Amino acid sequence: MIFYEKIKKYKLILASQSPRRQQLLKELKVDFEVMPVDIEEVFPENLKHKDIAIYLSELKAKAFDFSKLCDNCLVITSDTIVWLDGEILQKPVDFEDAVHILKTLSGRMHEVITGVTFRTIDKMHSFHCLTKVYFKTLSEDEIRWYVEHYRPYDKAGAYGGQEWIGYVGIEKIEGSYLNVVGLPVNMLYEELLKF
């Protein structure tokens, strides 16, 4: 297939510690190396919405020193944010913060936005995926039970769509479900074909 012919010229590097992103990329049946990059995820205050996700994804890509990588390496970076009422909802800092974030999302629609960047030694390309997620009204008991049992402190918006809260709380989505899980694989596939 043309996709595998095209991609075999690269050594793929996924710059993510996320087991969800790693599993999703594995489903494309491509070989890749995991090489997380440790950066401080800060962005200019004037950035909004998708521009934040793209900026953070590109920040991760630019952190790689290509003089230490192979000439045919293709680094894939990404960053997912949750957007509500014109503001970004960060990862929770503790139990009560996670509860507060989920109470804020309860009974409402929010946007999950992932920025993805491809970088090689001589070029860089970024894109984004946006999914609208509609939560039912969650009870205090449901929220606290979820946070206690799943400890979603590494997740934007304090939840994983592929976990219990997603099964019982998400009423509908508009857009890519896999984007909510952590990586918009369908868009990634199409963009790799064009890269």
C-alpha atoms as a PDB file:
ATOM      1  CA  MET A   1       0.000   0.000   0.000  1.00  0.00           C
ATOM      2  CA  ILE A   2       1.220   3.507  -0.869  1.00  0.00           C
ATOM      3  CA  PHE A   3       1.199   4.657   2.789  1.00  0.00           C
ATOM      4  CA  TYR A   4       3.698   1.991   3.852  1.00  0.00           C
ATOM      5  CA  GLU A   5       5.853   2.582   0.788  1.00  0.00           C
ATOM      6  CA  LYS A   6       6.015   6.266   1.626  1.00  0.00           C
ATOM      7  CA  ILE A   7       6.597   5.894   5.351  1.00  0.00           C
ATOM      8  CA  LYS A   8       9.349   3.269   5.158  1.00  0.00           C
ATOM      9  CA  LYS A   9      11.884   5.893   4.093  1.00  0.00           C
ATOM     10  CA  TYR A  10      11.622   7.409   7.579  1.00  0.00           C
ATOM     11  CA  LYS A  11      12.645   6.270  11.023  1.00  0.00           C
ATOM     12  CA  LEU A  12       9.630   7.368  13.064  1.00  0.00           C
ATOM     13  CA  ILE A  13      10.075   8.820  16.541  1.00  0.00           C
ATOM     14  CA  LEU A  14       7.061   9.429  18.760  1.00  0.00           C
ATOM     15  CA  ALA A  15       7.902  12.098  21.322  1.00  0.00           C
ATOM     16  CA  SER A  16       5.352  11.072  23.932  1.00  0.00           C
ATOM     17  CA  GLN A  17       5.274   9.206  27.221  1.00  0.00           C
ATOM     18  CA  SER A  18       1.526   8.698  26.848  1.00  0.00           C
ATOM     19  CA  PRO A  19       0.648   4.994  26.664  1.00  0.00           C
ATOM     20  CA  ARG A  20      -2.555   5.987  24.860  1.00  0.00           C
ATOM     21  CA  ARG A  21      -0.692   7.780  22.064  1.00  0.00           C
ATOM     22  CA  GLN A  22       1.779   4.912  21.778  1.00  0.00           C
ATOM     23  CA  GLN A  23      -1.028   2.351  21.476  1.00  0.00           C
ATOM     24  CA  LEU A  24      -2.904   4.418  18.905  1.00  0.00           C
ATOM     25  CA  LEU A  25       0.197   4.812  16.720  1.00  0.00           C
ATOM     26  CA  LYS A  26       0.887   1.057  17.000  1.00  0.00           C
ATOM     27  CA  GLU A  27      -2.538   0.448  15.461  1.00  0.00           C
ATOM     28  CA  LEU A  28      -1.263   1.996  12.209  1.00  0.00           C
ATOM     29  CA  LYS A  29       1.140  -0.976  11.996  1.00  0.00           C
ATOM     30  CA  VAL A  30       4.251   1.186  11.694  1.00  0.00           C
ATOM     31  CA  ASP A  31       7.550   0.786  13.514  1.00  0.00           C
ATOM     32  CA  PHE A  32       8.542   3.670  15.739  1.00  0.00           C
ATOM     33  CA  GLU A  33      10.776   4.547  18.636  1.00  0.00           C
ATOM     34  CA  VAL A  34       9.469   6.338  21.716  1.00  0.00           C
ATOM     35  CA  MET A  35      11.634   9.309  22.671  1.00  0.00           C
ATOM     36  CA  PRO A  36       9.817  11.656  25.073  1.00  0.00           C
ATOM     37  CA  VAL A  37      10.948  15.244  25.279  1.00  0.00           C
ATOM     38  CA  ASP A  38      10.844  17.111  28.564  1.00  0.00           C
ATOM     39  CA  ILE A  39       9.835  20.739  28.136  1.00  0.00           C
ATOM     40  CA  GLU A  40       7.995  23.260  30.223  1.00  0.00           C
ATOM     41  CA  GLU A  41       4.571  23.564  28.602  1.00  0.00           C
ATOM     42  CA  VAL A  42       4.173  27.323  28.669  1.00  0.00           C
ATOM     43  CA  PHE A  43       2.771  29.469  25.889  1.00  0.00           C
ATOM     44  CA  PRO A  44       2.356  33.188  25.173  1.00  0.00           C
ATOM     45  CA  GLU A  45      -0.733  34.657  26.850  1.00  0.00           C
ATOM     46  CA  ASN A  46      -2.030  36.089  23.586  1.00  0.00           C
ATOM     47  CA  LEU A  47      -2.500  32.627  22.061  1.00  0.00           C
ATOM     48  CA  LYS A  48      -5.999  31.163  22.025  1.00  0.00           C
ATOM     49  CA  HIS A  49      -7.739  27.927  21.101  1.00  0.00           C
ATOM     50  CA  LYS A  50      -6.040  25.755  18.445  1.00  0.00           C
ATOM     51  CA  ASP A  51      -3.003  28.040  18.355  1.00  0.00           C
ATOM     52  CA  ILE A  52      -2.081  26.906  21.878  1.00  0.00           C
ATOM     53  CA  ALA A  53      -2.131  23.210  20.940  1.00  0.00           C
ATOM     54  CA  ILE A  54      -0.112  23.831  17.775  1.00  0.00           C
ATOM     55  CA  TYR A  55       2.386  26.072  19.585  1.00  0.00           C
ATOM     56  CA  LEU A  56       3.013  23.450  22.297  1.00  0.00           C
ATOM     57  CA  SER A  57       3.332  20.676  19.725  1.00  0.00           C
ATOM     58  CA  GLU A  58       5.861  22.722  17.740  1.00  0.00           C
ATOM     59  CA  LEU A  59       7.711  23.632  20.946  1.00  0.00           C
ATOM     60  CA  LYS A  60       8.222  19.921  21.599  1.00  0.00           C
ATOM     61  CA  ALA A  61       9.362  19.311  18.008  1.00  0.00           C
ATOM     62  CA  LYS A  62      11.859  22.170  18.147  1.00  0.00           C
ATOM     63  CA  ALA A  63      13.356  20.729  21.355  1.00  0.00           C
ATOM     64  CA  PHE A  64      14.956  17.907  19.344  1.00  0.00           C
ATOM     65  CA  ASP A  65      18.611  18.309  18.369  1.00  0.00           C
ATOM     66  CA  PHE A  66      18.673  16.884  14.862  1.00  0.00           C
ATOM     67  CA  SER A  67      22.465  16.820  14.827  1.00  0.00           C
ATOM     68  CA  LYS A  68      22.095  13.861  17.203  1.00  0.00           C
ATOM     69  CA  LEU A  69      19.351  12.136  15.195  1.00  0.00           C
ATOM     70  CA  CYS A  70      19.530  10.156  11.972  1.00  0.00           C
ATOM     71  CA  ASP A  71      19.115  11.978   8.657  1.00  0.00           C
ATOM     72  CA  ASN A  72      15.887  10.113   7.877  1.00  0.00           C
ATOM     73  CA  CYS A  73      14.282  10.566  11.315  1.00  0.00           C
ATOM     74  CA  LEU A  74      10.720  11.886  11.411  1.00  0.00           C
ATOM     75  CA  VAL A  75       9.707  13.149  14.842  1.00  0.00           C
ATOM     76  CA  ILE A  76       6.005  13.210  15.739  1.00  0.00           C
ATOM     77  CA  THR A  77       4.966  15.484  18.602  1.00  0.00           C
ATOM     78  CA  SER A  78       1.526  16.420  19.866  1.00  0.00           C
ATOM     79  CA  ASP A  79      -0.291  18.285  22.577  1.00  0.00           C
ATOM     80  CA  THR A  80      -3.937  18.075  23.593  1.00  0.00           C
ATOM     81  CA  ILE A  81      -5.855  20.836  25.323  1.00  0.00           C
ATOM     82  CA  VAL A  82      -9.411  21.189  26.604  1.00  0.00           C
ATOM     83  CA  TRP A  83     -11.146  24.475  25.752  1.00  0.00           C
ATOM     84  CA  LEU A  84     -14.209  25.847  27.548  1.00  0.00           C
ATOM     85  CA  ASP A  85     -15.682  29.347  27.740  1.00  0.00           C
ATOM     86  CA  GLY A  86     -12.731  30.904  25.948  1.00  0.00           C
ATOM     87  CA  GLU A  87     -10.177  29.379  28.302  1.00  0.00           C
ATOM     88  CA  ILE A  88      -7.872  26.398  28.456  1.00  0.00           C
ATOM     89  CA  LEU A  89      -8.503  23.826  31.198  1.00  0.00           C
ATOM     90  CA  GLN A  90      -5.105  22.582  32.364  1.00  0.00           C
ATOM     91  CA  LYS A  91      -4.186  19.215  33.833  1.00  0.00           C
ATOM     92  CA  PRO A  92      -5.349  19.043  37.455  1.00  0.00           C
ATOM     93  CA  VAL A  93      -2.784  19.661  40.171  1.00  0.00           C
ATOM     94  CA  ASP A  94      -4.491  17.514  42.817  1.00  0.00           C
ATOM     95  CA  PHE A  95      -7.691  15.670  43.777  1.00  0.00           C
ATOM     96  CA  GLU A  96      -9.814  18.735  44.534  1.00  0.00           C
ATOM     97  CA  ASP A  97      -8.658  20.495  41.365  1.00  0.00           C
ATOM     98  CA  ALA A  98      -9.678  17.446  39.292  1.00  0.00           C
ATOM     99  CA  VAL A  99     -13.103  17.447  40.995  1.00  0.00           C
ATOM    100  CA  HIS A 100     -13.485  21.182  40.302  1.00  0.00           C
ATOM    101  CA  ILE A 101     -12.571  20.762  36.598  1.00  0.00           C
ATOM    102  CA  LEU A 102     -15.060  17.928  36.127  1.00  0.00           C
ATOM    103  CA  LYS A 103     -17.801  19.914  37.864  1.00  0.00           C
ATOM    104  CA  THR A 104     -17.062  22.713  35.381  1.00  0.00           C
ATOM    105  CA  LEU A 105     -17.415  20.292  32.421  1.00  0.00           C
ATOM    106  CA  SER A 106     -20.546  18.616  33.825  1.00  0.00           C
ATOM    107  CA  GLY A 107     -23.663  19.085  31.701  1.00  0.00           C
ATOM    108  CA  ARG A 108     -21.827  21.105  29.077  1.00  0.00           C
ATOM    109  CA  MET A 109     -20.046  20.948  25.739  1.00  0.00           C
ATOM    110  CA  HIS A 110     -16.301  21.519  25.575  1.00  0.00           C
ATOM    111  CA  GLU A 111     -13.706  21.223  22.824  1.00  0.00           C
ATOM    112  CA  VAL A 112     -10.772  18.826  22.786  1.00  0.00           C
ATOM    113  CA  ILE A 113      -8.041  20.178  20.510  1.00  0.00           C
ATOM    114  CA  THR A 114      -4.880  18.300  19.569  1.00  0.00           C
ATOM    115  CA  GLY A 115      -1.977  19.913  17.779  1.00  0.00           C
ATOM    116  CA  VAL A 116       0.327  17.516  15.919  1.00  0.00           C
ATOM    117  CA  THR A 117       3.730  18.325  14.407  1.00  0.00           C
ATOM    118  CA  PHE A 118       5.945  16.324  12.032  1.00  0.00           C
ATOM    119  CA  ARG A 119       9.595  17.367  11.916  1.00  0.00           C
ATOM    120  CA  THR A 120      12.493  16.080   9.867  1.00  0.00           C
ATOM    121  CA  ILE A 121      15.976  17.487   9.450  1.00  0.00           C
ATOM    122  CA  ASP A 122      14.759  19.870   6.737  1.00  0.00           C
ATOM    123  CA  LYS A 123      11.050  20.510   7.218  1.00  0.00           C
ATOM    124  CA  MET A 124       8.247  20.857   9.732  1.00  0.00           C
ATOM    125  CA  HIS A 125       4.484  20.558   9.336  1.00  0.00           C
ATOM    126  CA  SER A 126       1.719  21.078  11.905  1.00  0.00           C
ATOM    127  CA  PHE A 127      -2.043  20.548  11.946  1.00  0.00           C
ATOM    128  CA  HIS A 128      -4.834  20.336  14.501  1.00  0.00           C
ATOM    129  CA  CYS A 129      -7.943  18.297  15.193  1.00  0.00           C
ATOM    130  CA  LEU A 130     -10.977  19.587  17.094  1.00  0.00           C
ATOM    131  CA  THR A 131     -13.667  17.425  18.696  1.00  0.00           C
ATOM    132  CA  LYS A 132     -16.757  18.689  20.522  1.00  0.00           C
ATOM    133  CA  VAL A 133     -17.574  16.607  23.605  1.00  0.00           C
ATOM    134  CA  TYR A 134     -20.936  16.771  25.387  1.00  0.00           C
ATOM    135  CA  PHE A 135     -21.062  15.613  29.008  1.00  0.00           C
ATOM    136  CA  LYS A 136     -24.212  14.667  30.876  1.00  0.00           C
ATOM    137  CA  THR A 137     -24.767  16.316  34.245  1.00  0.00           C
ATOM    138  CA  LEU A 138     -22.457  14.385  36.562  1.00  0.00           C
ATOM    139  CA  SER A 139     -23.239  13.897  40.239  1.00  0.00           C
ATOM    140  CA  GLU A 140     -20.731  14.781  42.938  1.00  0.00           C
ATOM    141  CA  ASP A 141     -20.505  11.067  43.803  1.00  0.00           C
ATOM    142  CA  GLU A 142     -19.734  10.107  40.200  1.00  0.00           C
ATOM    143  CA  ILE A 143     -17.032  12.750  39.908  1.00  0.00           C
ATOM    144  CA  ARG A 144     -15.339  11.925  43.200  1.00  0.00           C
ATOM    145  CA  TRP A 145     -15.517   8.154  42.556  1.00  0.00           C
ATOM    146  CA  TYR A 146     -13.872   8.607  39.164  1.00  0.00           C
ATOM    147  CA  VAL A 147     -11.077  10.850  40.415  1.00  0.00           C
ATOM    148  CA  GLU A 148     -10.392   8.542  43.372  1.00  0.00           C
ATOM    149  CA  HIS A 149     -10.189   5.393  41.232  1.00  0.00           C
ATOM    150  CA  TYR A 150      -8.604   6.745  38.035  1.00  0.00           C
ATOM    151  CA  ARG A 151      -6.418   9.618  39.306  1.00  0.00           C
ATOM    152  CA  PRO A 152      -6.568  11.605  36.021  1.00  0.00           C
ATOM    153  CA  TYR A 153      -3.810  14.038  36.950  1.00  0.00           C
ATOM    154  CA  ASP A 154      -1.920  13.571  33.668  1.00  0.00           C
ATOM    155  CA  LYS A 155      -4.948  14.387  31.509  1.00  0.00           C
ATOM    156  CA  ALA A 156      -6.098  17.703  30.097  1.00  0.00           C
ATOM    157  CA  GLY A 157      -9.592  18.391  31.420  1.00  0.00           C
ATOM    158  CA  ALA A 158      -9.080  15.814  34.203  1.00  0.00           C
ATOM    159  CA  TYR A 159     -10.579  12.892  32.307  1.00  0.00           C
ATOM    160  CA  GLY A 160      -9.915  10.161  29.791  1.00  0.00           C
ATOM    161  CA  GLY A 161     -12.646   9.506  27.251  1.00  0.00           C
ATOM    162  CA  GLN A 162     -11.603   5.848  27.152  1.00  0.00           C
ATOM    163  CA  GLU A 163     -12.103   5.463  30.916  1.00  0.00           C
ATOM    164  CA  TRP A 164     -15.180   4.971  33.130  1.00  0.00           C
ATOM    165  CA  ILE A 165     -16.140   8.653  33.106  1.00  0.00           C
ATOM    166  CA  GLY A 166     -16.165   8.616  29.307  1.00  0.00           C
ATOM    167  CA  TYR A 167     -18.378   5.530  29.194  1.00  0.00           C
ATOM    168  CA  VAL A 168     -20.999   6.918  31.578  1.00  0.00           C
ATOM    169  CA  GLY A 169     -20.572  10.657  31.129  1.00  0.00           C
ATOM    170  CA  ILE A 170     -20.125  11.436  27.445  1.00  0.00           C
ATOM    171  CA  GLU A 171     -23.525  11.791  25.804  1.00  0.00           C
ATOM    172  CA  LYS A 172     -22.190  12.509  22.320  1.00  0.00           C
ATOM    173  CA  ILE A 173     -19.216  13.782  20.400  1.00  0.00           C
ATOM    174  CA  GLU A 174     -18.849  15.692  17.150  1.00  0.00           C
ATOM    175  CA  GLY A 175     -15.582  14.815  15.455  1.00  0.00           C
ATOM    176  CA  SER A 176     -12.842  12.278  16.102  1.00  0.00           C
ATOM    177  CA  TYR A 177     -13.230  10.035  19.155  1.00  0.00           C
ATOM    178  CA  LEU A 178      -9.564   9.033  18.909  1.00  0.00           C
ATOM    179  CA  ASN A 179      -8.657  12.700  19.251  1.00  0.00           C
ATOM    180  CA  VAL A 180     -10.356  12.651  22.662  1.00  0.00           C
ATOM    181  CA  VAL A 181      -8.334   9.559  23.587  1.00  0.00           C
ATOM    182  CA  GLY A 182      -5.130  11.364  22.667  1.00  0.00           C
ATOM    183  CA  LEU A 183      -4.195  11.208  18.983  1.00  0.00           C
ATOM    184  CA  PRO A 184      -6.326  11.861  15.870  1.00  0.00           C
ATOM    185  CA  VAL A 185      -5.049   8.821  13.988  1.00  0.00           C
ATOM    186  CA  ASN A 186      -7.192   9.339  10.881  1.00  0.00           C
ATOM    187  CA  MET A 187      -5.819  12.875  10.372  1.00  0.00           C
ATOM    188  CA  LEU A 188      -2.291  11.755  11.243  1.00  0.00           C
ATOM    189  CA  TYR A 189      -2.510   9.059   8.556  1.00  0.00           C
ATOM    190  CA  GLU A 190      -3.757  11.508   5.922  1.00  0.00           C
ATOM    191  CA  GLU A 191      -1.170  14.149   6.817  1.00  0.00           C
ATOM    192  CA  LEU A 192       1.663  11.581   6.714  1.00  0.00           C
ATOM    193  CA  LEU A 193       0.521  10.613   3.216  1.00  0.00           C
ATOM    194  CA  LYS A 194       0.915  14.256   2.139  1.00  0.00           C
ATOM    195  CA  PHE A 195       4.109  15.020   4.101  1.00  0.00           C
END
